[in-house]
């Protein structure tokens, strides 16, 4: 091929016409994809999420359907100041813009208060530990009642006069009272034995309910139990 023919074809209309056509096709494809996707996805078109919190589920479903959105219940809670089956929370929040068909996830109010099992705090934790565990579950606690025993140690739980056990399911609306030790013990705490004469004799046929005086059995002294004379400790 001669140089003249080469440059003639290089600058010829046929070659540049094809190149220009290819550029136009690529440009059209790019613009078509861009604007086609925007039209398909409704780019720039948003629907404001309505305020659903506080509404009943029936009304919320109607309102959401009118706006072209969808609604789905994902969780439940409890608020005794609000009616049952009303919306407690929603996601996305009210006022946000979403596309048509977007799902709004809601939490509804339970018709009854939830119940939880009493954790293992009876005779197994201090007052502060038990209080923290119970309040974390949502229980309400009344002022504790104190009994003889180790200070602030939990000896029991009562609810409306009824003793509770670990694992009992109780409504969080029912207040609980912890039975805790006051740090004091009975006078007979260090006694390792109980003499029979400390208790009244049984009289099944009598109505008398008094202690009878009887001779107390003699008990060896501490020195005699150790094999030493009584005066060994008088020195």
C-alpha atoms as a PDB file:
ATOM      1  CA  UNK A   1       0.000   0.000   0.000  1.00  0.00           C
ATOM      2  CA  UNK A   2       1.306   3.390  -0.977  1.00  0.00           C
ATOM      3  CA  UNK A   3       1.597   6.240   1.515  1.00  0.00           C
ATOM      4  CA  UNK A   4      -0.955   8.270  -0.381  1.00  0.00           C
ATOM      5  CA  UNK A   5      -3.499   5.463  -0.230  1.00  0.00           C
ATOM      6  CA  UNK A   6      -2.814   4.919   3.479  1.00  0.00           C
ATOM      7  CA  UNK A   7      -3.432   8.557   4.425  1.00  0.00           C
ATOM      8  CA  UNK A   8      -6.396   8.605   2.109  1.00  0.00           C
ATOM      9  CA  UNK A   9      -8.050   5.785   4.025  1.00  0.00           C
ATOM     10  CA  UNK A  10      -6.938   7.201   7.395  1.00  0.00           C
ATOM     11  CA  UNK A  11      -8.640  10.499   6.808  1.00  0.00           C
ATOM     12  CA  UNK A  12     -11.461   9.033   4.772  1.00  0.00           C
ATOM     13  CA  UNK A  13     -15.120   9.539   5.591  1.00  0.00           C
ATOM     14  CA  UNK A  14     -15.786   5.824   5.992  1.00  0.00           C
ATOM     15  CA  UNK A  15     -13.359   5.333   8.896  1.00  0.00           C
ATOM     16  CA  UNK A  16     -14.291   8.480  10.800  1.00  0.00           C
ATOM     17  CA  UNK A  17     -17.946   7.892  10.156  1.00  0.00           C
ATOM     18  CA  UNK A  18     -17.698   4.483  11.818  1.00  0.00           C
ATOM     19  CA  UNK A  19     -15.751   5.893  14.767  1.00  0.00           C
ATOM     20  CA  UNK A  20     -18.292   8.658  15.257  1.00  0.00           C
ATOM     21  CA  UNK A  21     -21.130   6.172  15.098  1.00  0.00           C
ATOM     22  CA  UNK A  22     -19.461   4.010  17.752  1.00  0.00           C
ATOM     23  CA  UNK A  23     -18.994   7.013  20.045  1.00  0.00           C
ATOM     24  CA  UNK A  24     -22.640   7.975  19.608  1.00  0.00           C
ATOM     25  CA  UNK A  25     -23.783   4.426  20.390  1.00  0.00           C
ATOM     26  CA  UNK A  26     -21.669   4.277  23.554  1.00  0.00           C
ATOM     27  CA  UNK A  27     -22.954   7.694  24.681  1.00  0.00           C
ATOM     28  CA  UNK A  28     -26.540   6.699  24.032  1.00  0.00           C
ATOM     29  CA  UNK A  29     -26.079   3.473  25.954  1.00  0.00           C
ATOM     30  CA  UNK A  30     -24.559   5.351  28.915  1.00  0.00           C
ATOM     31  CA  UNK A  31     -27.359   7.921  29.058  1.00  0.00           C
ATOM     32  CA  UNK A  32     -29.942   5.222  28.525  1.00  0.00           C
ATOM     33  CA  UNK A  33     -28.688   3.113  31.395  1.00  0.00           C
ATOM     34  CA  UNK A  34     -28.397   6.126  33.718  1.00  0.00           C
ATOM     35  CA  UNK A  35     -31.816   7.599  33.093  1.00  0.00           C
ATOM     36  CA  UNK A  36     -33.439   4.213  32.664  1.00  0.00           C
ATOM     37  CA  UNK A  37     -32.328   3.156  36.124  1.00  0.00           C
ATOM     38  CA  UNK A  38     -33.491   6.453  37.605  1.00  0.00           C
ATOM     39  CA  UNK A  39     -36.903   5.992  36.029  1.00  0.00           C
ATOM     40  CA  UNK A  40     -37.068   2.356  37.134  1.00  0.00           C
ATOM     41  CA  UNK A  41     -36.034   3.109  40.717  1.00  0.00           C
ATOM     42  CA  UNK A  42     -38.003   6.387  40.918  1.00  0.00           C
ATOM     43  CA  UNK A  43     -34.839   8.322  41.649  1.00  0.00           C
ATOM     44  CA  UNK A  44     -35.618  11.649  43.315  1.00  0.00           C
ATOM     45  CA  UNK A  45     -39.138  10.538  44.133  1.00  0.00           C
ATOM     46  CA  UNK A  46     -39.666   9.944  47.864  1.00  0.00           C
ATOM     47  CA  UNK A  47     -42.631   9.213  50.107  1.00  0.00           C
ATOM     48  CA  UNK A  48     -42.609  10.683  53.589  1.00  0.00           C
ATOM     49  CA  UNK A  49     -43.082   8.067  56.285  1.00  0.00           C
ATOM     50  CA  UNK A  50     -46.246   8.893  58.267  1.00  0.00           C
ATOM     51  CA  UNK A  51     -46.387   9.176  62.047  1.00  0.00           C
ATOM     52  CA  UNK A  52     -47.585   5.795  63.313  1.00  0.00           C
ATOM     53  CA  UNK A  53     -46.579   5.833  66.971  1.00  0.00           C
ATOM     54  CA  UNK A  54     -49.613   5.891  69.238  1.00  0.00           C
ATOM     55  CA  UNK A  55     -51.984   4.652  66.524  1.00  0.00           C
ATOM     56  CA  UNK A  56     -53.767   1.312  66.654  1.00  0.00           C
ATOM     57  CA  UNK A  57     -52.493  -1.310  64.240  1.00  0.00           C
ATOM     58  CA  UNK A  58     -55.734  -1.237  62.213  1.00  0.00           C
ATOM     59  CA  UNK A  59     -55.433   2.507  61.594  1.00  0.00           C
ATOM     60  CA  UNK A  60     -51.709   2.241  60.946  1.00  0.00           C
ATOM     61  CA  UNK A  61     -52.227  -0.423  58.266  1.00  0.00           C
ATOM     62  CA  UNK A  62     -54.828   1.717  56.498  1.00  0.00           C
ATOM     63  CA  UNK A  63     -52.617   4.804  56.518  1.00  0.00           C
ATOM     64  CA  UNK A  64     -49.556   2.933  55.305  1.00  0.00           C
ATOM     65  CA  UNK A  65     -51.506   1.282  52.485  1.00  0.00           C
ATOM     66  CA  UNK A  66     -52.771   4.697  51.303  1.00  0.00           C
ATOM     67  CA  UNK A  67     -49.219   6.034  51.041  1.00  0.00           C
ATOM     68  CA  UNK A  68     -47.971   3.068  49.003  1.00  0.00           C
ATOM     69  CA  UNK A  69     -45.832   1.613  51.764  1.00  0.00           C
ATOM     70  CA  UNK A  70     -45.931  -1.640  53.720  1.00  0.00           C
ATOM     71  CA  UNK A  71     -45.936  -2.389  57.437  1.00  0.00           C
ATOM     72  CA  UNK A  72     -44.536  -5.318  59.430  1.00  0.00           C
ATOM     73  CA  UNK A  73     -44.646  -6.076  63.185  1.00  0.00           C
ATOM     74  CA  UNK A  74     -41.227  -7.149  64.435  1.00  0.00           C
ATOM     75  CA  UNK A  75     -41.492  -6.860  68.224  1.00  0.00           C
ATOM     76  CA  UNK A  76     -43.825  -6.185  71.139  1.00  0.00           C
ATOM     77  CA  UNK A  77     -43.496  -4.144  74.306  1.00  0.00           C
ATOM     78  CA  UNK A  78     -45.654  -3.073  77.186  1.00  0.00           C
ATOM     79  CA  UNK A  79     -46.856   0.352  78.269  1.00  0.00           C
ATOM     80  CA  UNK A  80     -49.839   0.289  80.599  1.00  0.00           C
ATOM     81  CA  UNK A  81     -50.642   3.929  79.794  1.00  0.00           C
ATOM     82  CA  UNK A  82     -51.353   3.078  76.140  1.00  0.00           C
ATOM     83  CA  UNK A  83     -54.061   0.848  74.647  1.00  0.00           C
ATOM     84  CA  UNK A  84     -53.273  -2.676  73.571  1.00  0.00           C
ATOM     85  CA  UNK A  85     -52.064  -3.299  69.984  1.00  0.00           C
ATOM     86  CA  UNK A  86     -51.007   0.276  69.393  1.00  0.00           C
ATOM     87  CA  UNK A  87     -47.692   1.222  67.791  1.00  0.00           C
ATOM     88  CA  UNK A  88     -44.939   1.911  70.335  1.00  0.00           C
ATOM     89  CA  UNK A  89     -42.058   2.487  67.906  1.00  0.00           C
ATOM     90  CA  UNK A  90     -41.388   2.527  64.173  1.00  0.00           C
ATOM     91  CA  UNK A  91     -38.448   2.301  61.792  1.00  0.00           C
ATOM     92  CA  UNK A  92     -37.866   4.360  59.645  1.00  0.00           C
ATOM     93  CA  UNK A  93     -39.059   7.249  61.767  1.00  0.00           C
ATOM     94  CA  UNK A  94     -41.823   9.656  60.815  1.00  0.00           C
ATOM     95  CA  UNK A  95     -40.859  12.272  58.223  1.00  0.00           C
ATOM     96  CA  UNK A  96     -38.118  10.269  56.513  1.00  0.00           C
ATOM     97  CA  UNK A  97     -38.384   9.841  52.745  1.00  0.00           C
ATOM     98  CA  UNK A  98     -38.447   6.333  51.308  1.00  0.00           C
ATOM     99  CA  UNK A  99     -39.387   4.756  48.010  1.00  0.00           C
ATOM    100  CA  UNK A 100     -42.769   3.256  47.244  1.00  0.00           C
ATOM    101  CA  UNK A 101     -43.172  -0.243  48.612  1.00  0.00           C
ATOM    102  CA  UNK A 102     -40.696   0.315  51.450  1.00  0.00           C
ATOM    103  CA  UNK A 103     -41.455  -1.676  54.615  1.00  0.00           C
ATOM    104  CA  UNK A 104     -42.008   0.132  57.930  1.00  0.00           C
ATOM    105  CA  UNK A 105     -41.102  -2.041  60.910  1.00  0.00           C
ATOM    106  CA  UNK A 106     -43.108  -1.409  64.076  1.00  0.00           C
ATOM    107  CA  UNK A 107     -43.228  -2.490  67.729  1.00  0.00           C
ATOM    108  CA  UNK A 108     -46.731  -2.950  69.152  1.00  0.00           C
ATOM    109  CA  UNK A 109     -48.061  -2.722  72.700  1.00  0.00           C
ATOM    110  CA  UNK A 110     -48.794  -6.071  74.345  1.00  0.00           C
ATOM    111  CA  UNK A 111     -52.317  -6.498  75.821  1.00  0.00           C
ATOM    112  CA  UNK A 112     -50.866  -7.841  79.098  1.00  0.00           C
ATOM    113  CA  UNK A 113     -47.801  -7.127  81.161  1.00  0.00           C
ATOM    114  CA  UNK A 114     -44.856  -9.468  80.544  1.00  0.00           C
ATOM    115  CA  UNK A 115     -43.819 -12.017  83.145  1.00  0.00           C
ATOM    116  CA  UNK A 116     -40.288 -12.982  84.075  1.00  0.00           C
ATOM    117  CA  UNK A 117     -38.813 -15.775  86.149  1.00  0.00           C
ATOM    118  CA  UNK A 118     -37.399 -14.886  89.544  1.00  0.00           C
ATOM    119  CA  UNK A 119     -33.596 -15.126  89.196  1.00  0.00           C
ATOM    120  CA  UNK A 120     -31.431 -17.150  91.558  1.00  0.00           C
ATOM    121  CA  UNK A 121     -30.973 -14.470  94.223  1.00  0.00           C
ATOM    122  CA  UNK A 122     -32.691 -16.087  97.232  1.00  0.00           C
ATOM    123  CA  UNK A 123     -30.044 -17.078  99.783  1.00  0.00           C
ATOM    124  CA  UNK A 124     -27.490 -16.545  97.045  1.00  0.00           C
ATOM    125  CA  UNK A 125     -26.774 -12.817  96.873  1.00  0.00           C
ATOM    126  CA  UNK A 126     -26.666  -9.557  98.749  1.00  0.00           C
ATOM    127  CA  UNK A 127     -29.444  -6.995  98.729  1.00  0.00           C
ATOM    128  CA  UNK A 128     -27.657  -4.754  96.223  1.00  0.00           C
ATOM    129  CA  UNK A 129     -27.011  -7.618  93.806  1.00  0.00           C
ATOM    130  CA  UNK A 130     -30.599  -8.874  94.008  1.00  0.00           C
ATOM    131  CA  UNK A 131     -31.985  -5.355  93.640  1.00  0.00           C
ATOM    132  CA  UNK A 132     -29.905  -4.721  90.517  1.00  0.00           C
ATOM    133  CA  UNK A 133     -30.913  -8.021  88.876  1.00  0.00           C
ATOM    134  CA  UNK A 134     -34.621  -7.638  89.617  1.00  0.00           C
ATOM    135  CA  UNK A 135     -34.826  -3.987  88.549  1.00  0.00           C
ATOM    136  CA  UNK A 136     -32.963  -4.797  85.333  1.00  0.00           C
ATOM    137  CA  UNK A 137     -35.772  -7.216  84.485  1.00  0.00           C
ATOM    138  CA  UNK A 138     -38.352  -4.490  85.132  1.00  0.00           C
ATOM    139  CA  UNK A 139     -39.618  -5.522  88.571  1.00  0.00           C
ATOM    140  CA  UNK A 140     -40.740  -2.926  91.093  1.00  0.00           C
ATOM    141  CA  UNK A 141     -39.382  -3.313  94.607  1.00  0.00           C
ATOM    142  CA  UNK A 142     -41.004  -2.228  97.856  1.00  0.00           C
ATOM    143  CA  UNK A 143     -38.901  -1.344 100.930  1.00  0.00           C
ATOM    144  CA  UNK A 144     -37.230  -4.528 102.196  1.00  0.00           C
ATOM    145  CA  UNK A 145     -38.229  -6.345 105.365  1.00  0.00           C
ATOM    146  CA  UNK A 146     -35.459  -7.179 107.802  1.00  0.00           C
ATOM    147  CA  UNK A 147     -35.104 -10.323 109.848  1.00  0.00           C
ATOM    148  CA  UNK A 148     -32.440 -11.779 112.120  1.00  0.00           C
ATOM    149  CA  UNK A 149     -29.488 -12.823 110.040  1.00  0.00           C
ATOM    150  CA  UNK A 150     -26.418 -11.721 108.095  1.00  0.00           C
ATOM    151  CA  UNK A 151     -26.581  -8.055 107.240  1.00  0.00           C
ATOM    152  CA  UNK A 152     -28.192  -7.334 103.842  1.00  0.00           C
ATOM    153  CA  UNK A 153     -28.221 -11.006 102.839  1.00  0.00           C
ATOM    154  CA  UNK A 154     -31.325 -12.011 100.856  1.00  0.00           C
ATOM    155  CA  UNK A 155     -33.261 -14.741 102.658  1.00  0.00           C
ATOM    156  CA  UNK A 156     -36.452 -14.638 100.613  1.00  0.00           C
ATOM    157  CA  UNK A 157     -38.847 -12.744  98.349  1.00  0.00           C
ATOM    158  CA  UNK A 158     -42.549 -12.182  98.937  1.00  0.00           C
ATOM    159  CA  UNK A 159     -45.219 -10.764  96.664  1.00  0.00           C
ATOM    160  CA  UNK A 160     -48.599  -9.740  98.021  1.00  0.00           C
ATOM    161  CA  UNK A 161     -47.955 -11.814 101.101  1.00  0.00           C
ATOM    162  CA  UNK A 162     -46.993 -14.929  99.149  1.00  0.00           C
ATOM    163  CA  UNK A 163     -43.438 -16.293  99.280  1.00  0.00           C
ATOM    164  CA  UNK A 164     -41.741 -16.790  95.924  1.00  0.00           C
ATOM    165  CA  UNK A 165     -39.174 -19.316  94.791  1.00  0.00           C
ATOM    166  CA  UNK A 166     -36.426 -19.133  92.188  1.00  0.00           C
ATOM    167  CA  UNK A 167     -37.907 -19.687  88.738  1.00  0.00           C
ATOM    168  CA  UNK A 168     -41.448 -18.538  89.580  1.00  0.00           C
ATOM    169  CA  UNK A 169     -42.900 -16.404  86.784  1.00  0.00           C
ATOM    170  CA  UNK A 170     -44.251 -13.100  88.062  1.00  0.00           C
ATOM    171  CA  UNK A 171     -45.740 -10.109  86.246  1.00  0.00           C
ATOM    172  CA  UNK A 172     -43.574  -6.999  86.335  1.00  0.00           C
ATOM    173  CA  UNK A 173     -46.638  -5.065  87.520  1.00  0.00           C
ATOM    174  CA  UNK A 174     -46.602  -6.994  90.807  1.00  0.00           C
ATOM    175  CA  UNK A 175     -44.268  -5.352  93.366  1.00  0.00           C
ATOM    176  CA  UNK A 176     -41.774  -7.517  95.221  1.00  0.00           C
ATOM    177  CA  UNK A 177     -40.450  -7.315  98.759  1.00  0.00           C
ATOM    178  CA  UNK A 178     -37.023  -8.663  99.640  1.00  0.00           C
ATOM    179  CA  UNK A 179     -36.445 -10.321 103.008  1.00  0.00           C
ATOM    180  CA  UNK A 180     -32.946  -9.412 104.136  1.00  0.00           C
ATOM    181  CA  UNK A 181     -30.842  -9.824 107.261  1.00  0.00           C
ATOM    182  CA  UNK A 182     -30.434  -6.990 109.745  1.00  0.00           C
ATOM    183  CA  UNK A 183     -26.979  -7.947 110.963  1.00  0.00           C
ATOM    184  CA  UNK A 184     -28.181  -9.211 114.331  1.00  0.00           C
ATOM    185  CA  UNK A 185     -28.634 -12.746 115.596  1.00  0.00           C
ATOM    186  CA  UNK A 186     -30.675 -14.377 118.332  1.00  0.00           C
ATOM    187  CA  UNK A 187     -29.356 -14.695 121.878  1.00  0.00           C
ATOM    188  CA  UNK A 188     -28.993 -18.461 121.489  1.00  0.00           C
ATOM    189  CA  UNK A 189     -26.904 -18.248 118.338  1.00  0.00           C
ATOM    190  CA  UNK A 190     -23.829 -19.917 119.901  1.00  0.00           C
ATOM    191  CA  UNK A 191     -25.736 -22.715 121.692  1.00  0.00           C
ATOM    192  CA  UNK A 192     -24.943 -26.044 120.106  1.00  0.00           C
ATOM    193  CA  UNK A 193     -27.565 -28.050 121.950  1.00  0.00           C
ATOM    194  CA  UNK A 194     -31.097 -27.697 123.266  1.00  0.00           C
ATOM    195  CA  UNK A 195     -32.113 -29.201 126.591  1.00  0.00           C
ATOM    196  CA  UNK A 196     -35.392 -30.990 126.879  1.00  0.00           C
ATOM    197  CA  UNK A 197     -36.359 -28.953 129.896  1.00  0.00           C
ATOM    198  CA  UNK A 198     -36.307 -25.750 127.863  1.00  0.00           C
ATOM    199  CA  UNK A 199     -39.608 -26.781 126.256  1.00  0.00           C
ATOM    200  CA  UNK A 200     -42.942 -27.437 127.979  1.00  0.00           C
ATOM    201  CA  UNK A 201     -44.125 -30.989 128.455  1.00  0.00           C
ATOM    202  CA  UNK A 202     -46.885 -32.057 126.133  1.00  0.00           C
ATOM    203  CA  UNK A 203     -50.316 -32.489 127.707  1.00  0.00           C
ATOM    204  CA  UNK A 204     -52.619 -33.744 124.978  1.00  0.00           C
ATOM    205  CA  UNK A 205     -55.557 -33.957 127.391  1.00  0.00           C
ATOM    206  CA  UNK A 206     -55.094 -30.604 129.114  1.00  0.00           C
ATOM    207  CA  UNK A 207     -55.732 -27.099 127.909  1.00  0.00           C
ATOM    208  CA  UNK A 208     -52.878 -25.764 129.999  1.00  0.00           C
ATOM    209  CA  UNK A 209     -50.196 -24.236 127.821  1.00  0.00           C
ATOM    210  CA  UNK A 210     -47.600 -23.293 130.438  1.00  0.00           C
ATOM    211  CA  UNK A 211     -44.043 -24.292 131.073  1.00  0.00           C
ATOM    212  CA  UNK A 212     -43.592 -26.781 133.898  1.00  0.00           C
ATOM    213  CA  UNK A 213     -40.630 -26.515 136.179  1.00  0.00           C
ATOM    214  CA  UNK A 214     -38.574 -29.684 136.258  1.00  0.00           C
ATOM    215  CA  UNK A 215     -35.113 -30.443 137.484  1.00  0.00           C
ATOM    216  CA  UNK A 216     -32.615 -29.743 134.777  1.00  0.00           C
ATOM    217  CA  UNK A 217     -30.237 -32.620 134.135  1.00  0.00           C
ATOM    218  CA  UNK A 218     -26.714 -31.875 135.217  1.00  0.00           C
ATOM    219  CA  UNK A 219     -24.271 -31.178 132.416  1.00  0.00           C
ATOM    220  CA  UNK A 220     -20.509 -31.529 132.837  1.00  0.00           C
ATOM    221  CA  UNK A 221     -18.602 -28.283 132.918  1.00  0.00           C
ATOM    222  CA  UNK A 222     -16.239 -27.290 130.121  1.00  0.00           C
ATOM    223  CA  UNK A 223     -13.258 -28.147 132.355  1.00  0.00           C
ATOM    224  CA  UNK A 224     -14.614 -31.620 133.091  1.00  0.00           C
ATOM    225  CA  UNK A 225     -15.214 -32.206 129.390  1.00  0.00           C
ATOM    226  CA  UNK A 226     -11.542 -31.450 128.793  1.00  0.00           C
ATOM    227  CA  UNK A 227     -10.425 -33.724 131.679  1.00  0.00           C
ATOM    228  CA  UNK A 228      -9.222 -30.938 133.991  1.00  0.00           C
ATOM    229  CA  UNK A 229     -10.345 -30.034 137.507  1.00  0.00           C
ATOM    230  CA  UNK A 230     -12.725 -27.095 137.912  1.00  0.00           C
ATOM    231  CA  UNK A 231     -10.134 -24.960 139.705  1.00  0.00           C
ATOM    232  CA  UNK A 232      -7.646 -25.380 136.868  1.00  0.00           C
ATOM    233  CA  UNK A 233      -8.962 -22.214 135.272  1.00  0.00           C
ATOM    234  CA  UNK A 234      -9.043 -20.157 138.489  1.00  0.00           C
ATOM    235  CA  UNK A 235      -5.335 -19.474 138.544  1.00  0.00           C
END
